[in-house]
Amino acid sequence: MIIKPYYFLLFIFLFSICSCNNSTNIDKTKSKKPNNKTDSSETLYYKVFKIDSAWGYDIYINGKRKIHQQYIPAVQGIQYFSSKKKAQITAKFVCEKLIINGFPPSVTVEELDSLKVLN
């Protein structure tokens, strides 16, 4: 798959912005999504939450929860995030995919493995 250079630069830029703020569970990014039919600026952010001894995340668009992810996406069976950091990394990645590709985002096991979030 060939990635257009400007999408790659956008991905790197957004990833570096999202990585700068490690002190909070909420990451807000204003963006225009290329495949969004409304063509309006949207506020996109995530919140990480604790489930017993595991972690999950919610993705919000314009203040409304659009994704509630208790389990690691794309993997077989029910597997939880073992750490807050792994849930944050995945939530940031999903936000970036939403910005680039629109809704719904898709995540593969290979992508999660490269992010080192699988147990």
N, C-alpha and C. Protein backbone atom coordinates (compact mmCIF):
# COMPACT_ATOMS: atom_id res chain seq x y z
N MET A 1 0.84 -1.18 0.00
CA MET A 1 0.00 0.00 0.00
C MET A 1 0.89 1.24 0.00
N ILE A 2 0.61 2.17 -0.89
CA ILE A 2 1.37 3.40 -0.98
C ILE A 2 0.63 4.50 -0.24
N ILE A 3 1.31 5.15 0.69
CA ILE A 3 0.71 6.24 1.47
C ILE A 3 1.13 7.55 0.84
N LYS A 4 0.16 8.41 0.61
CA LYS A 4 0.48 9.71 0.04
C LYS A 4 1.32 10.50 1.04
N PRO A 5 2.33 11.23 0.56
CA PRO A 5 3.26 11.92 1.46
C PRO A 5 2.57 12.86 2.45
N TYR A 6 1.55 13.57 2.02
CA TYR A 6 0.91 14.51 2.94
C TYR A 6 0.14 13.80 4.05
N TYR A 7 -0.42 12.61 3.77
CA TYR A 7 -1.07 11.85 4.84
C TYR A 7 -0.03 11.36 5.85
N PHE A 8 1.11 10.94 5.34
CA PHE A 8 2.17 10.48 6.22
C PHE A 8 2.66 11.62 7.11
N LEU A 9 2.87 12.80 6.52
CA LEU A 9 3.31 13.96 7.31
C LEU A 9 2.25 14.36 8.33
N LEU A 10 0.98 14.31 7.93
CA LEU A 10 -0.11 14.61 8.86
C LEU A 10 -0.10 13.62 10.02
N PHE A 11 0.08 12.34 9.71
CA PHE A 11 0.12 11.31 10.74
C PHE A 11 1.26 11.57 11.72
N ILE A 12 2.46 11.85 11.21
CA ILE A 12 3.62 12.11 12.07
C ILE A 12 3.38 13.34 12.92
N PHE A 13 2.85 14.40 12.32
CA PHE A 13 2.58 15.64 13.05
C PHE A 13 1.57 15.40 14.17
N LEU A 14 0.46 14.73 13.85
CA LEU A 14 -0.56 14.48 14.86
C LEU A 14 -0.06 13.55 15.96
N PHE A 15 0.72 12.55 15.59
CA PHE A 15 1.25 11.63 16.59
C PHE A 15 2.18 12.36 17.54
N SER A 16 3.00 13.27 17.01
CA SER A 16 3.92 14.00 17.88
C SER A 16 3.17 14.97 18.79
N ILE A 17 2.09 15.58 18.29
CA ILE A 17 1.28 16.46 19.14
C ILE A 17 0.62 15.67 20.25
N CYS A 18 0.03 14.53 19.89
CA CYS A 18 -0.66 13.72 20.88
C CYS A 18 0.31 13.15 21.91
N SER A 19 1.53 12.88 21.53
CA SER A 19 2.51 12.29 22.43
C SER A 19 3.05 13.29 23.45
N CYS A 20 2.87 14.56 23.21
CA CYS A 20 3.44 15.58 24.08
C CYS A 20 2.72 15.68 25.41
N ASN A 21 1.47 15.31 25.47
CA ASN A 21 0.67 15.54 26.67
C ASN A 21 0.43 14.22 27.39
N ASN A 22 1.36 13.81 28.25
CA ASN A 22 1.24 12.54 28.96
C ASN A 22 0.66 12.70 30.36
N SER A 23 0.35 13.90 30.79
CA SER A 23 -0.07 14.11 32.16
C SER A 23 -1.58 14.00 32.35
N THR A 24 -2.33 13.81 31.30
CA THR A 24 -3.79 13.78 31.42
C THR A 24 -4.37 12.59 30.67
N ASN A 25 -5.58 12.24 31.01
CA ASN A 25 -6.27 11.15 30.33
C ASN A 25 -7.04 11.64 29.11
N ILE A 26 -7.08 12.94 28.90
CA ILE A 26 -7.86 13.50 27.81
C ILE A 26 -6.93 14.15 26.81
N ASP A 27 -7.11 13.82 25.56
CA ASP A 27 -6.31 14.42 24.50
C ASP A 27 -7.28 15.02 23.49
N LYS A 28 -7.25 16.33 23.30
CA LYS A 28 -8.16 16.99 22.38
C LYS A 28 -7.40 17.41 21.13
N THR A 29 -7.97 17.11 19.99
CA THR A 29 -7.37 17.48 18.73
C THR A 29 -8.47 18.02 17.82
N LYS A 30 -8.39 19.27 17.40
CA LYS A 30 -9.34 19.80 16.43
C LYS A 30 -8.85 19.40 15.06
N SER A 31 -9.77 18.95 14.24
CA SER A 31 -9.34 18.47 12.94
C SER A 31 -10.46 18.55 11.92
N LYS A 32 -10.07 18.53 10.68
CA LYS A 32 -11.00 18.30 9.59
C LYS A 32 -10.65 16.93 9.03
N LYS A 33 -11.63 16.06 8.97
CA LYS A 33 -11.39 14.73 8.45
C LYS A 33 -11.66 14.74 6.95
N PRO A 34 -10.72 14.29 6.12
CA PRO A 34 -10.90 14.34 4.68
C PRO A 34 -12.14 13.60 4.19
N ASN A 35 -12.51 12.47 4.80
CA ASN A 35 -13.65 11.69 4.32
C ASN A 35 -14.95 12.01 5.04
N ASN A 36 -14.94 13.06 5.84
CA ASN A 36 -16.14 13.43 6.58
C ASN A 36 -17.08 14.19 5.66
N LYS A 37 -18.34 13.78 5.63
CA LYS A 37 -19.31 14.40 4.72
C LYS A 37 -19.72 15.80 5.15
N THR A 38 -19.57 16.13 6.43
CA THR A 38 -20.03 17.44 6.89
C THR A 38 -19.06 18.55 6.58
N ASP A 39 -17.79 18.24 6.37
CA ASP A 39 -16.75 19.21 6.05
C ASP A 39 -16.65 20.34 7.07
N SER A 40 -16.93 20.04 8.34
CA SER A 40 -16.79 21.06 9.38
C SER A 40 -15.72 20.63 10.37
N SER A 41 -15.15 21.59 11.07
CA SER A 41 -14.12 21.30 12.04
C SER A 41 -14.75 20.58 13.24
N GLU A 42 -14.11 19.50 13.68
CA GLU A 42 -14.65 18.72 14.78
C GLU A 42 -13.61 18.61 15.90
N THR A 43 -14.11 18.54 17.13
CA THR A 43 -13.24 18.29 18.26
C THR A 43 -13.21 16.79 18.50
N LEU A 44 -12.03 16.24 18.53
CA LEU A 44 -11.84 14.81 18.68
C LEU A 44 -10.92 14.58 19.87
N TYR A 45 -11.36 13.77 20.84
CA TYR A 45 -10.51 13.47 21.98
C TYR A 45 -10.88 12.12 22.57
N TYR A 46 -10.04 11.64 23.48
CA TYR A 46 -10.31 10.36 24.12
C TYR A 46 -10.21 10.49 25.63
N LYS A 47 -10.81 9.53 26.32
CA LYS A 47 -10.68 9.40 27.77
C LYS A 47 -10.37 7.94 28.07
N VAL A 48 -9.37 7.73 28.89
CA VAL A 48 -8.99 6.38 29.32
C VAL A 48 -9.71 6.10 30.64
N PHE A 49 -10.22 4.88 30.80
CA PHE A 49 -10.90 4.53 32.04
C PHE A 49 -10.41 3.17 32.54
N LYS A 50 -10.60 2.96 33.85
CA LYS A 50 -10.14 1.73 34.50
C LYS A 50 -11.32 0.77 34.66
N ILE A 51 -11.05 -0.50 34.38
CA ILE A 51 -12.03 -1.58 34.56
C ILE A 51 -11.36 -2.61 35.47
N ASP A 52 -11.72 -2.64 36.72
CA ASP A 52 -11.07 -3.53 37.69
C ASP A 52 -9.55 -3.35 37.60
N SER A 53 -8.84 -4.38 37.12
CA SER A 53 -7.38 -4.26 37.02
C SER A 53 -6.92 -4.01 35.58
N ALA A 54 -7.85 -3.66 34.69
CA ALA A 54 -7.52 -3.42 33.29
C ALA A 54 -7.94 -2.01 32.89
N TRP A 55 -7.76 -1.68 31.59
CA TRP A 55 -8.04 -0.33 31.09
C TRP A 55 -8.79 -0.39 29.77
N GLY A 56 -9.51 0.69 29.49
CA GLY A 56 -10.21 0.85 28.22
C GLY A 56 -10.21 2.32 27.86
N TYR A 57 -10.90 2.66 26.77
CA TYR A 57 -10.96 4.07 26.37
C TYR A 57 -12.27 4.38 25.66
N ASP A 58 -12.63 5.65 25.68
CA ASP A 58 -13.77 6.18 24.93
C ASP A 58 -13.23 7.23 23.97
N ILE A 59 -13.81 7.31 22.77
CA ILE A 59 -13.47 8.34 21.80
C ILE A 59 -14.68 9.26 21.67
N TYR A 60 -14.43 10.56 21.78
CA TYR A 60 -15.49 11.56 21.69
C TYR A 60 -15.29 12.43 20.45
N ILE A 61 -16.38 12.69 19.75
CA ILE A 61 -16.38 13.62 18.63
C ILE A 61 -17.41 14.68 18.94
N ASN A 62 -16.96 15.93 18.98
CA ASN A 62 -17.82 17.07 19.34
C ASN A 62 -18.55 16.84 20.66
N GLY A 63 -17.85 16.28 21.62
CA GLY A 63 -18.40 16.10 22.96
C GLY A 63 -19.31 14.90 23.13
N LYS A 64 -19.55 14.14 22.06
CA LYS A 64 -20.42 12.96 22.15
C LYS A 64 -19.57 11.69 22.02
N ARG A 65 -19.80 10.76 22.95
CA ARG A 65 -19.05 9.51 22.90
C ARG A 65 -19.49 8.71 21.67
N LYS A 66 -18.53 8.42 20.81
CA LYS A 66 -18.80 7.67 19.58
C LYS A 66 -18.26 6.24 19.65
N ILE A 67 -17.20 6.04 20.44
CA ILE A 67 -16.61 4.71 20.57
C ILE A 67 -16.36 4.42 22.04
N HIS A 68 -16.85 3.28 22.51
CA HIS A 68 -16.60 2.80 23.87
C HIS A 68 -15.84 1.49 23.72
N GLN A 69 -14.56 1.49 24.05
CA GLN A 69 -13.71 0.33 23.82
C GLN A 69 -13.19 -0.24 25.13
N GLN A 70 -13.83 -1.31 25.60
CA GLN A 70 -13.41 -1.97 26.83
C GLN A 70 -12.29 -2.96 26.57
N TYR A 71 -12.25 -3.52 25.37
CA TYR A 71 -11.31 -4.58 25.03
C TYR A 71 -10.33 -4.10 23.96
N ILE A 72 -9.26 -4.85 23.79
CA ILE A 72 -8.30 -4.54 22.73
C ILE A 72 -8.99 -4.85 21.39
N PRO A 73 -9.07 -3.86 20.51
CA PRO A 73 -9.74 -4.10 19.23
C PRO A 73 -8.92 -5.02 18.33
N ALA A 74 -9.60 -5.70 17.41
CA ALA A 74 -9.00 -6.52 16.35
C ALA A 74 -8.46 -7.87 16.80
N VAL A 75 -8.37 -8.14 18.09
CA VAL A 75 -7.83 -9.43 18.54
C VAL A 75 -8.96 -10.42 18.80
N GLN A 76 -8.63 -11.71 18.67
CA GLN A 76 -9.60 -12.76 18.94
C GLN A 76 -9.94 -12.82 20.42
N GLY A 77 -11.19 -13.02 20.73
CA GLY A 77 -11.60 -13.17 22.11
C GLY A 77 -11.63 -11.85 22.86
N ILE A 78 -11.83 -11.95 24.15
CA ILE A 78 -11.90 -10.76 25.00
C ILE A 78 -10.56 -10.59 25.70
N GLN A 79 -9.84 -9.54 25.31
CA GLN A 79 -8.57 -9.22 25.95
C GLN A 79 -8.60 -7.75 26.34
N TYR A 80 -8.23 -7.49 27.58
CA TYR A 80 -8.22 -6.13 28.10
C TYR A 80 -6.83 -5.51 27.96
N PHE A 81 -6.78 -4.18 27.97
CA PHE A 81 -5.49 -3.49 28.02
C PHE A 81 -4.93 -3.68 29.42
N SER A 82 -3.68 -4.10 29.49
CA SER A 82 -3.06 -4.40 30.78
C SER A 82 -2.53 -3.15 31.49
N SER A 83 -2.42 -2.03 30.76
CA SER A 83 -1.93 -0.81 31.39
C SER A 83 -2.62 0.41 30.81
N LYS A 84 -2.58 1.47 31.59
CA LYS A 84 -3.15 2.75 31.15
C LYS A 84 -2.42 3.24 29.90
N LYS A 85 -1.10 3.09 29.89
CA LYS A 85 -0.27 3.55 28.77
C LYS A 85 -0.68 2.86 27.46
N LYS A 86 -0.93 1.56 27.50
CA LYS A 86 -1.32 0.83 26.30
C LYS A 86 -2.68 1.29 25.78
N ALA A 87 -3.61 1.56 26.70
CA ALA A 87 -4.92 2.08 26.30
C ALA A 87 -4.77 3.47 25.68
N GLN A 88 -3.91 4.31 26.26
CA GLN A 88 -3.68 5.66 25.73
C GLN A 88 -3.07 5.61 24.33
N ILE A 89 -2.07 4.76 24.14
CA ILE A 89 -1.41 4.63 22.84
C ILE A 89 -2.44 4.23 21.77
N THR A 90 -3.27 3.25 22.10
CA THR A 90 -4.27 2.79 21.14
C THR A 90 -5.32 3.85 20.87
N ALA A 91 -5.77 4.55 21.91
CA ALA A 91 -6.77 5.61 21.73
C ALA A 91 -6.22 6.72 20.83
N LYS A 92 -4.98 7.11 21.03
CA LYS A 92 -4.35 8.13 20.18
C LYS A 92 -4.29 7.66 18.74
N PHE A 93 -3.91 6.40 18.56
CA PHE A 93 -3.80 5.83 17.22
C PHE A 93 -5.17 5.82 16.53
N VAL A 94 -6.21 5.44 17.25
CA VAL A 94 -7.56 5.42 16.68
C VAL A 94 -8.00 6.84 16.32
N CYS A 95 -7.68 7.82 17.15
CA CYS A 95 -8.00 9.22 16.83
C CYS A 95 -7.31 9.64 15.54
N GLU A 96 -6.06 9.25 15.37
CA GLU A 96 -5.33 9.59 14.15
C GLU A 96 -5.96 8.93 12.93
N LYS A 97 -6.40 7.68 13.09
CA LYS A 97 -7.06 6.99 11.98
C LYS A 97 -8.39 7.65 11.64
N LEU A 98 -9.10 8.14 12.65
CA LEU A 98 -10.35 8.87 12.39
C LEU A 98 -10.09 10.14 11.59
N ILE A 99 -9.02 10.84 11.93
CA ILE A 99 -8.68 12.08 11.24
C ILE A 99 -8.34 11.79 9.78
N ILE A 100 -7.59 10.76 9.54
CA ILE A 100 -7.12 10.46 8.19
C ILE A 100 -8.20 9.76 7.35
N ASN A 101 -8.87 8.77 7.93
CA ASN A 101 -9.79 7.92 7.16
C ASN A 101 -11.27 8.15 7.43
N GLY A 102 -11.62 8.90 8.44
CA GLY A 102 -13.03 9.08 8.78
C GLY A 102 -13.56 7.94 9.63
N PHE A 103 -14.87 7.92 9.80
CA PHE A 103 -15.54 6.97 10.68
C PHE A 103 -16.14 5.86 9.84
N PRO A 104 -16.15 4.63 10.26
CA PRO A 104 -15.52 4.09 11.45
C PRO A 104 -14.04 3.78 11.21
N PRO A 105 -13.24 3.83 12.26
CA PRO A 105 -11.82 3.51 12.09
C PRO A 105 -11.64 2.00 12.04
N SER A 106 -10.58 1.56 11.43
CA SER A 106 -10.25 0.13 11.47
C SER A 106 -8.83 -0.01 12.00
N VAL A 107 -8.64 -1.01 12.83
CA VAL A 107 -7.34 -1.27 13.44
C VAL A 107 -7.03 -2.74 13.23
N THR A 108 -5.79 -3.03 12.86
CA THR A 108 -5.39 -4.43 12.64
C THR A 108 -4.50 -4.91 13.78
N VAL A 109 -4.39 -6.22 13.89
CA VAL A 109 -3.52 -6.82 14.89
C VAL A 109 -2.07 -6.41 14.63
N GLU A 110 -1.70 -6.32 13.35
CA GLU A 110 -0.34 -5.93 12.99
C GLU A 110 -0.02 -4.52 13.46
N GLU A 111 -0.98 -3.61 13.31
CA GLU A 111 -0.78 -2.24 13.77
C GLU A 111 -0.63 -2.18 15.29
N LEU A 112 -1.46 -2.92 15.98
CA LEU A 112 -1.37 -2.94 17.45
C LEU A 112 -0.05 -3.57 17.90
N ASP A 113 0.38 -4.59 17.19
CA ASP A 113 1.65 -5.22 17.52
C ASP A 113 2.81 -4.23 17.32
N SER A 114 2.74 -3.45 16.24
CA SER A 114 3.81 -2.47 15.99
C SER A 114 3.81 -1.35 17.03
N LEU A 115 2.63 -1.09 17.62
CA LEU A 115 2.54 -0.08 18.69
C LEU A 115 2.94 -0.67 20.04
N LYS A 116 3.15 -1.97 20.09
CA LYS A 116 3.55 -2.69 21.31
C LYS A 116 2.49 -2.60 22.42
N VAL A 117 1.21 -2.70 22.02
CA VAL A 117 0.14 -2.65 23.02
C VAL A 117 -0.45 -4.03 23.31
N LEU A 118 -0.06 -5.04 22.52
CA LEU A 118 -0.57 -6.38 22.79
C LEU A 118 0.19 -6.99 23.96
N ASN A 119 -0.53 -7.72 24.79
CA ASN A 119 0.07 -8.31 26.00
C ASN A 119 1.18 -9.28 25.70
